[in-house]
Amino acid sequence: SNASTFIHKSPPNIPEVKIPEDLTVNIALSLRYEINRGFATLREIGHGRDLKKFLIVIAGLWILSVLGSSCNFLTLFYIVFVALYTVPVLYEKYEDKVDAFGEKAEIEFKKYYALFEEKCLSKIPKGPLKDKKH
């Protein structure tokens, strides 16, 4: 734009860019709703009322820490990026086999969880449940 006066040409036409206010407000409201929903989920997990979800979170964080200690962030990001693009395609191709395997794995998981609950969790004393709303 500044050089155009030296070479005797008209300055380029740069359009004005504006973001509409209602679009920004809607995005902010949606983002606030999702963040509050995430906080509510984290609070429920933190209270420990749903033991199954609590154990799944512990297992997930443990797996993440094992992966994080074996490679750096960029490698982990690359692995997740490649997985996000290949897993859906592979699932579509082998959907029947994956679903059958998933059902078998779910049945086995439920057996092991029932065994774990019978041998360990049933022995944990539980205090009186208070029906408080916070």
N, C-alpha and C. Protein backbone atom coordinates (compact mmCIF):
# COMPACT_ATOMS: atom_id res chain seq x y z
N SER A 1 0.83 -1.18 0.00
CA SER A 1 0.00 0.00 0.00
C SER A 1 0.88 1.25 0.00
N ASN A 2 1.94 1.26 0.84
CA ASN A 2 2.83 2.43 0.89
C ASN A 2 3.67 2.54 -0.37
N ALA A 3 4.06 1.42 -0.94
CA ALA A 3 4.90 1.45 -2.14
C ALA A 3 4.12 1.83 -3.38
N SER A 4 2.82 1.75 -3.35
CA SER A 4 2.02 2.06 -4.54
C SER A 4 2.13 3.53 -4.93
N THR A 5 2.39 4.42 -3.98
CA THR A 5 2.55 5.84 -4.33
C THR A 5 3.85 6.07 -5.08
N PHE A 6 4.87 5.27 -4.82
CA PHE A 6 6.16 5.44 -5.51
C PHE A 6 6.10 4.91 -6.94
N ILE A 7 5.31 3.90 -7.18
CA ILE A 7 5.25 3.34 -8.53
C ILE A 7 4.01 3.81 -9.29
N HIS A 8 3.34 4.79 -8.76
CA HIS A 8 2.20 5.47 -9.38
C HIS A 8 1.08 4.48 -9.73
N LYS A 9 0.71 3.67 -8.77
CA LYS A 9 -0.43 2.77 -8.93
C LYS A 9 -1.40 3.04 -7.79
N SER A 10 -2.63 2.66 -8.03
CA SER A 10 -3.63 2.87 -6.97
C SER A 10 -3.41 1.82 -5.87
N PRO A 11 -3.66 2.20 -4.63
CA PRO A 11 -3.47 1.24 -3.53
C PRO A 11 -4.46 0.09 -3.66
N PRO A 12 -4.08 -1.08 -3.15
CA PRO A 12 -4.99 -2.23 -3.25
C PRO A 12 -6.24 -2.03 -2.41
N ASN A 13 -7.32 -2.64 -2.86
CA ASN A 13 -8.59 -2.54 -2.15
C ASN A 13 -8.64 -3.68 -1.13
N ILE A 14 -8.45 -3.35 0.14
CA ILE A 14 -8.47 -4.35 1.21
C ILE A 14 -9.83 -4.26 1.88
N PRO A 15 -10.61 -5.35 1.82
CA PRO A 15 -11.95 -5.29 2.40
C PRO A 15 -11.89 -5.26 3.92
N GLU A 16 -12.91 -4.66 4.51
CA GLU A 16 -13.01 -4.60 5.96
C GLU A 16 -13.62 -5.91 6.46
N VAL A 17 -12.97 -6.52 7.45
CA VAL A 17 -13.44 -7.79 8.00
C VAL A 17 -14.01 -7.54 9.38
N LYS A 18 -15.25 -8.00 9.58
CA LYS A 18 -15.91 -7.84 10.88
C LYS A 18 -16.55 -9.17 11.26
N ILE A 19 -16.49 -9.46 12.55
CA ILE A 19 -17.17 -10.64 13.07
C ILE A 19 -18.47 -10.17 13.69
N PRO A 20 -19.59 -10.78 13.29
CA PRO A 20 -20.88 -10.34 13.84
C PRO A 20 -20.97 -10.63 15.34
N GLU A 21 -21.59 -9.69 16.05
CA GLU A 21 -21.68 -9.81 17.51
C GLU A 21 -22.53 -11.00 17.93
N ASP A 22 -23.65 -11.24 17.25
CA ASP A 22 -24.52 -12.35 17.65
C ASP A 22 -23.84 -13.70 17.46
N LEU A 23 -23.02 -13.84 16.42
CA LEU A 23 -22.27 -15.08 16.23
C LEU A 23 -21.28 -15.29 17.37
N THR A 24 -20.59 -14.24 17.76
CA THR A 24 -19.62 -14.33 18.85
C THR A 24 -20.30 -14.67 20.16
N VAL A 25 -21.45 -14.06 20.42
CA VAL A 25 -22.18 -14.33 21.66
C VAL A 25 -22.67 -15.78 21.68
N ASN A 26 -23.17 -16.27 20.56
CA ASN A 26 -23.64 -17.66 20.49
C ASN A 26 -22.51 -18.65 20.70
N ILE A 27 -21.36 -18.37 20.12
CA ILE A 27 -20.20 -19.25 20.32
C ILE A 27 -19.77 -19.23 21.78
N ALA A 28 -19.74 -18.05 22.38
CA ALA A 28 -19.34 -17.94 23.79
C ALA A 28 -20.34 -18.67 24.71
N LEU A 29 -21.63 -18.56 24.42
CA LEU A 29 -22.64 -19.25 25.23
C LEU A 29 -22.53 -20.77 25.09
N SER A 30 -22.31 -21.23 23.87
CA SER A 30 -22.14 -22.67 23.66
C SER A 30 -20.90 -23.19 24.36
N LEU A 31 -19.83 -22.44 24.26
CA LEU A 31 -18.57 -22.83 24.91
C LEU A 31 -18.74 -22.84 26.44
N ARG A 32 -19.43 -21.85 26.97
CA ARG A 32 -19.68 -21.80 28.41
C ARG A 32 -20.50 -22.99 28.87
N TYR A 33 -21.51 -23.35 28.09
CA TYR A 33 -22.35 -24.51 28.43
C TYR A 33 -21.53 -25.79 28.45
N GLU A 34 -20.69 -25.99 27.44
CA GLU A 34 -19.87 -27.21 27.38
C GLU A 34 -18.85 -27.26 28.51
N ILE A 35 -18.25 -26.12 28.84
CA ILE A 35 -17.28 -26.08 29.95
C ILE A 35 -17.98 -26.38 31.27
N ASN A 36 -19.15 -25.80 31.50
CA ASN A 36 -19.89 -26.08 32.74
C ASN A 36 -20.31 -27.54 32.82
N ARG A 37 -20.70 -28.13 31.69
CA ARG A 37 -21.05 -29.54 31.67
C ARG A 37 -19.83 -30.40 32.00
N GLY A 38 -18.66 -30.02 31.48
CA GLY A 38 -17.43 -30.74 31.80
C GLY A 38 -17.08 -30.63 33.27
N PHE A 39 -17.25 -29.44 33.84
CA PHE A 39 -16.98 -29.27 35.27
C PHE A 39 -17.94 -30.10 36.12
N ALA A 40 -19.21 -30.18 35.70
CA ALA A 40 -20.17 -31.00 36.44
C ALA A 40 -19.78 -32.47 36.39
N THR A 41 -19.32 -32.93 35.24
CA THR A 41 -18.86 -34.32 35.11
C THR A 41 -17.65 -34.56 36.00
N LEU A 42 -16.70 -33.63 35.98
CA LEU A 42 -15.52 -33.77 36.83
C LEU A 42 -15.90 -33.77 38.31
N ARG A 43 -16.90 -32.97 38.67
CA ARG A 43 -17.35 -32.93 40.06
C ARG A 43 -17.97 -34.27 40.47
N GLU A 44 -18.78 -34.84 39.59
CA GLU A 44 -19.39 -36.13 39.87
C GLU A 44 -18.32 -37.22 40.02
N ILE A 45 -17.31 -37.18 39.18
CA ILE A 45 -16.22 -38.15 39.28
C ILE A 45 -15.45 -37.94 40.57
N GLY A 46 -15.21 -36.68 40.91
CA GLY A 46 -14.48 -36.36 42.14
C GLY A 46 -15.21 -36.77 43.40
N HIS A 47 -16.53 -36.70 43.38
CA HIS A 47 -17.31 -37.13 44.54
C HIS A 47 -17.23 -38.64 44.74
N GLY A 48 -16.94 -39.37 43.67
CA GLY A 48 -16.80 -40.82 43.78
C GLY A 48 -18.10 -41.56 43.90
N ARG A 49 -19.20 -40.96 43.50
CA ARG A 49 -20.49 -41.63 43.59
C ARG A 49 -20.62 -42.75 42.56
N ASP A 50 -20.06 -42.53 41.37
CA ASP A 50 -20.08 -43.55 40.32
C ASP A 50 -18.70 -44.19 40.27
N LEU A 51 -18.54 -45.28 40.98
CA LEU A 51 -17.24 -45.92 41.12
C LEU A 51 -16.70 -46.43 39.79
N LYS A 52 -17.56 -46.90 38.93
CA LYS A 52 -17.13 -47.42 37.64
C LYS A 52 -16.48 -46.30 36.82
N LYS A 53 -17.13 -45.15 36.75
CA LYS A 53 -16.59 -44.02 36.01
C LYS A 53 -15.29 -43.53 36.64
N PHE A 54 -15.25 -43.54 37.97
CA PHE A 54 -14.05 -43.12 38.69
C PHE A 54 -12.87 -44.02 38.34
N LEU A 55 -13.10 -45.33 38.31
CA LEU A 55 -12.02 -46.28 37.97
C LEU A 55 -11.61 -46.15 36.51
N ILE A 56 -12.55 -45.86 35.62
CA ILE A 56 -12.22 -45.66 34.21
C ILE A 56 -11.34 -44.42 34.05
N VAL A 57 -11.65 -43.35 34.78
CA VAL A 57 -10.83 -42.14 34.71
C VAL A 57 -9.42 -42.41 35.24
N ILE A 58 -9.32 -43.15 36.33
CA ILE A 58 -8.01 -43.49 36.89
C ILE A 58 -7.21 -44.31 35.88
N ALA A 59 -7.85 -45.31 35.26
CA ALA A 59 -7.16 -46.14 34.27
C ALA A 59 -6.74 -45.30 33.06
N GLY A 60 -7.60 -44.41 32.61
CA GLY A 60 -7.27 -43.56 31.47
C GLY A 60 -6.10 -42.62 31.77
N LEU A 61 -6.09 -42.03 32.95
CA LEU A 61 -4.98 -41.15 33.32
C LEU A 61 -3.68 -41.93 33.48
N TRP A 62 -3.79 -43.17 33.98
CA TRP A 62 -2.59 -44.00 34.12
C TRP A 62 -2.03 -44.34 32.75
N ILE A 63 -2.89 -44.72 31.80
CA ILE A 63 -2.44 -45.03 30.44
C ILE A 63 -1.82 -43.80 29.80
N LEU A 64 -2.43 -42.64 29.99
CA LEU A 64 -1.90 -41.40 29.45
C LEU A 64 -0.53 -41.07 30.04
N SER A 65 -0.34 -41.33 31.33
CA SER A 65 0.96 -41.06 31.95
C SER A 65 2.02 -42.02 31.44
N VAL A 66 1.65 -43.28 31.20
CA VAL A 66 2.61 -44.25 30.64
C VAL A 66 3.01 -43.83 29.24
N LEU A 67 2.03 -43.45 28.42
CA LEU A 67 2.34 -42.99 27.07
C LEU A 67 3.17 -41.70 27.10
N GLY A 68 2.81 -40.79 27.98
CA GLY A 68 3.53 -39.53 28.08
C GLY A 68 4.96 -39.69 28.55
N SER A 69 5.23 -40.69 29.38
CA SER A 69 6.60 -40.88 29.84
C SER A 69 7.46 -41.60 28.81
N SER A 70 6.83 -42.25 27.83
CA SER A 70 7.62 -42.98 26.85
C SER A 70 7.88 -42.17 25.58
N CYS A 71 7.18 -41.07 25.37
CA CYS A 71 7.44 -40.25 24.19
C CYS A 71 7.12 -38.79 24.51
N ASN A 72 7.62 -37.91 23.66
CA ASN A 72 7.38 -36.49 23.91
C ASN A 72 6.03 -36.06 23.34
N PHE A 73 5.66 -34.83 23.58
CA PHE A 73 4.33 -34.33 23.22
C PHE A 73 4.11 -34.36 21.71
N LEU A 74 5.12 -33.98 20.93
CA LEU A 74 4.95 -33.93 19.49
C LEU A 74 4.70 -35.32 18.91
N THR A 75 5.41 -36.32 19.42
CA THR A 75 5.19 -37.69 18.97
C THR A 75 3.79 -38.16 19.35
N LEU A 76 3.39 -37.87 20.57
CA LEU A 76 2.05 -38.25 21.03
C LEU A 76 0.98 -37.56 20.19
N PHE A 77 1.19 -36.29 19.87
CA PHE A 77 0.26 -35.54 19.03
C PHE A 77 0.17 -36.16 17.64
N TYR A 78 1.31 -36.55 17.08
CA TYR A 78 1.34 -37.18 15.76
C TYR A 78 0.60 -38.52 15.77
N ILE A 79 0.81 -39.31 16.80
CA ILE A 79 0.13 -40.61 16.91
C ILE A 79 -1.38 -40.42 16.99
N VAL A 80 -1.82 -39.47 17.79
CA VAL A 80 -3.27 -39.20 17.92
C VAL A 80 -3.83 -38.69 16.60
N PHE A 81 -3.09 -37.82 15.92
CA PHE A 81 -3.52 -37.27 14.63
C PHE A 81 -3.70 -38.38 13.60
N VAL A 82 -2.73 -39.27 13.50
CA VAL A 82 -2.81 -40.38 12.55
C VAL A 82 -3.95 -41.32 12.93
N ALA A 83 -4.11 -41.59 14.22
CA ALA A 83 -5.17 -42.49 14.66
C ALA A 83 -6.55 -41.90 14.36
N LEU A 84 -6.71 -40.59 14.54
CA LEU A 84 -8.00 -39.96 14.28
C LEU A 84 -8.40 -40.03 12.81
N TYR A 85 -7.40 -40.12 11.92
CA TYR A 85 -7.72 -40.21 10.50
C TYR A 85 -7.80 -41.65 9.99
N THR A 86 -7.18 -42.60 10.66
CA THR A 86 -7.19 -43.98 10.16
C THR A 86 -8.24 -44.86 10.83
N VAL A 87 -8.50 -44.66 12.11
CA VAL A 87 -9.44 -45.52 12.83
C VAL A 87 -10.86 -45.48 12.24
N PRO A 88 -11.43 -44.31 11.93
CA PRO A 88 -12.78 -44.33 11.34
C PRO A 88 -12.85 -45.09 10.01
N VAL A 89 -11.82 -44.97 9.18
CA VAL A 89 -11.81 -45.67 7.90
C VAL A 89 -11.74 -47.17 8.13
N LEU A 90 -10.86 -47.59 9.03
CA LEU A 90 -10.75 -49.02 9.34
C LEU A 90 -12.03 -49.55 9.97
N TYR A 91 -12.68 -48.74 10.80
CA TYR A 91 -13.93 -49.17 11.42
C TYR A 91 -15.01 -49.38 10.36
N GLU A 92 -15.11 -48.47 9.41
CA GLU A 92 -16.10 -48.62 8.35
C GLU A 92 -15.85 -49.88 7.53
N LYS A 93 -14.58 -50.19 7.30
CA LYS A 93 -14.23 -51.35 6.48
C LYS A 93 -14.51 -52.66 7.22
N TYR A 94 -14.21 -52.73 8.51
CA TYR A 94 -14.34 -53.96 9.30
C TYR A 94 -15.37 -53.80 10.42
N GLU A 95 -16.44 -53.10 10.16
CA GLU A 95 -17.42 -52.77 11.20
C GLU A 95 -18.01 -54.01 11.88
N ASP A 96 -18.38 -55.02 11.11
CA ASP A 96 -18.99 -56.22 11.69
C ASP A 96 -18.05 -56.94 12.64
N LYS A 97 -16.80 -57.10 12.22
CA LYS A 97 -15.82 -57.80 13.06
C LYS A 97 -15.51 -57.01 14.33
N VAL A 98 -15.40 -55.69 14.18
CA VAL A 98 -15.08 -54.85 15.33
C VAL A 98 -16.23 -54.86 16.33
N ASP A 99 -17.46 -54.79 15.84
CA ASP A 99 -18.62 -54.81 16.74
C ASP A 99 -18.72 -56.14 17.49
N ALA A 100 -18.48 -57.25 16.78
CA ALA A 100 -18.52 -58.56 17.44
C ALA A 100 -17.43 -58.66 18.50
N PHE A 101 -16.24 -58.20 18.18
CA PHE A 101 -15.15 -58.22 19.16
C PHE A 101 -15.46 -57.31 20.33
N GLY A 102 -16.05 -56.15 20.06
CA GLY A 102 -16.41 -55.22 21.13
C GLY A 102 -17.44 -55.81 22.09
N GLU A 103 -18.41 -56.53 21.54
CA GLU A 103 -19.41 -57.17 22.39
C GLU A 103 -18.78 -58.24 23.28
N LYS A 104 -17.87 -59.03 22.71
CA LYS A 104 -17.16 -60.05 23.50
C LYS A 104 -16.32 -59.40 24.59
N ALA A 105 -15.62 -58.31 24.24
CA ALA A 105 -14.79 -57.61 25.22
C ALA A 105 -15.64 -57.01 26.33
N GLU A 106 -16.81 -56.49 25.98
CA GLU A 106 -17.70 -55.91 26.99
C GLU A 106 -18.19 -56.98 27.96
N ILE A 107 -18.53 -58.16 27.44
CA ILE A 107 -18.97 -59.26 28.30
C ILE A 107 -17.86 -59.67 29.25
N GLU A 108 -16.64 -59.79 28.73
CA GLU A 108 -15.50 -60.16 29.57
C GLU A 108 -15.23 -59.09 30.63
N PHE A 109 -15.31 -57.82 30.22
CA PHE A 109 -15.08 -56.72 31.16
C PHE A 109 -16.11 -56.76 32.28
N LYS A 110 -17.37 -57.01 31.93
CA LYS A 110 -18.41 -57.07 32.95
C LYS A 110 -18.18 -58.23 33.92
N LYS A 111 -17.66 -59.36 33.40
CA LYS A 111 -17.35 -60.50 34.28
C LYS A 111 -16.25 -60.12 35.27
N TYR A 112 -15.17 -59.51 34.74
CA TYR A 112 -14.06 -59.13 35.61
C TYR A 112 -14.46 -58.05 36.60
N TYR A 113 -15.31 -57.12 36.18
CA TYR A 113 -15.76 -56.08 37.09
C TYR A 113 -16.63 -56.67 38.20
N ALA A 114 -17.50 -57.61 37.84
CA ALA A 114 -18.34 -58.26 38.86
C ALA A 114 -17.47 -59.03 39.85
N LEU A 115 -16.43 -59.69 39.35
CA LEU A 115 -15.51 -60.41 40.22
C LEU A 115 -14.76 -59.43 41.13
N PHE A 116 -14.30 -58.31 40.58
CA PHE A 116 -13.61 -57.28 41.35
C PHE A 116 -14.53 -56.68 42.40
N GLU A 117 -15.78 -56.45 42.02
CA GLU A 117 -16.75 -55.89 42.96
C GLU A 117 -17.04 -56.88 44.09
N GLU A 118 -17.13 -58.15 43.74
CA GLU A 118 -17.43 -59.17 44.75
C GLU A 118 -16.28 -59.35 45.73
N LYS A 119 -15.06 -59.36 45.22
CA LYS A 119 -13.91 -59.67 46.08
C LYS A 119 -13.34 -58.44 46.78
N CYS A 120 -13.42 -57.28 46.17
CA CYS A 120 -12.78 -56.10 46.75
C CYS A 120 -13.77 -55.02 47.18
N LEU A 121 -14.59 -54.58 46.26
CA LEU A 121 -15.45 -53.43 46.53
C LEU A 121 -16.53 -53.73 47.57
N SER A 122 -17.00 -54.96 47.62
CA SER A 122 -18.05 -55.29 48.59
C SER A 122 -17.51 -55.28 50.01
N LYS A 123 -16.20 -55.35 50.19
CA LYS A 123 -15.60 -55.36 51.52
C LYS A 123 -15.31 -53.96 52.06
N ILE A 124 -15.47 -52.96 51.22
CA ILE A 124 -15.23 -51.59 51.64
C ILE A 124 -16.47 -51.10 52.38
N PRO A 125 -16.31 -50.66 53.63
CA PRO A 125 -17.50 -50.18 54.36
C PRO A 125 -17.97 -48.84 53.79
N LYS A 126 -19.24 -48.73 53.70
CA LYS A 126 -19.82 -47.50 53.17
C LYS A 126 -20.62 -46.84 54.27
N GLY A 127 -20.45 -45.55 54.41
CA GLY A 127 -21.19 -44.79 55.42
C GLY A 127 -22.59 -44.53 54.95
N PRO A 128 -23.39 -43.91 55.78
CA PRO A 128 -24.77 -43.60 55.38
C PRO A 128 -24.74 -42.57 54.25
N LEU A 129 -25.55 -42.82 53.25
CA LEU A 129 -25.63 -41.88 52.13
C LEU A 129 -26.55 -40.73 52.51
N LYS A 130 -26.06 -39.55 52.32
CA LYS A 130 -26.87 -38.36 52.59
C LYS A 130 -27.36 -37.84 51.27
N ASP A 131 -28.61 -37.51 51.22
CA ASP A 131 -29.20 -37.01 50.00
C ASP A 131 -29.15 -35.48 50.02
N LYS A 132 -27.93 -34.96 49.85
CA LYS A 132 -27.74 -33.50 49.84
C LYS A 132 -27.60 -33.03 48.42
N LYS A 133 -28.07 -31.85 48.18
CA LYS A 133 -27.84 -31.21 46.90
C LYS A 133 -26.97 -30.00 47.14
N HIS A 134 -25.86 -29.97 46.43
CA HIS A 134 -24.88 -28.88 46.60
C HIS A 134 -25.09 -27.84 45.56
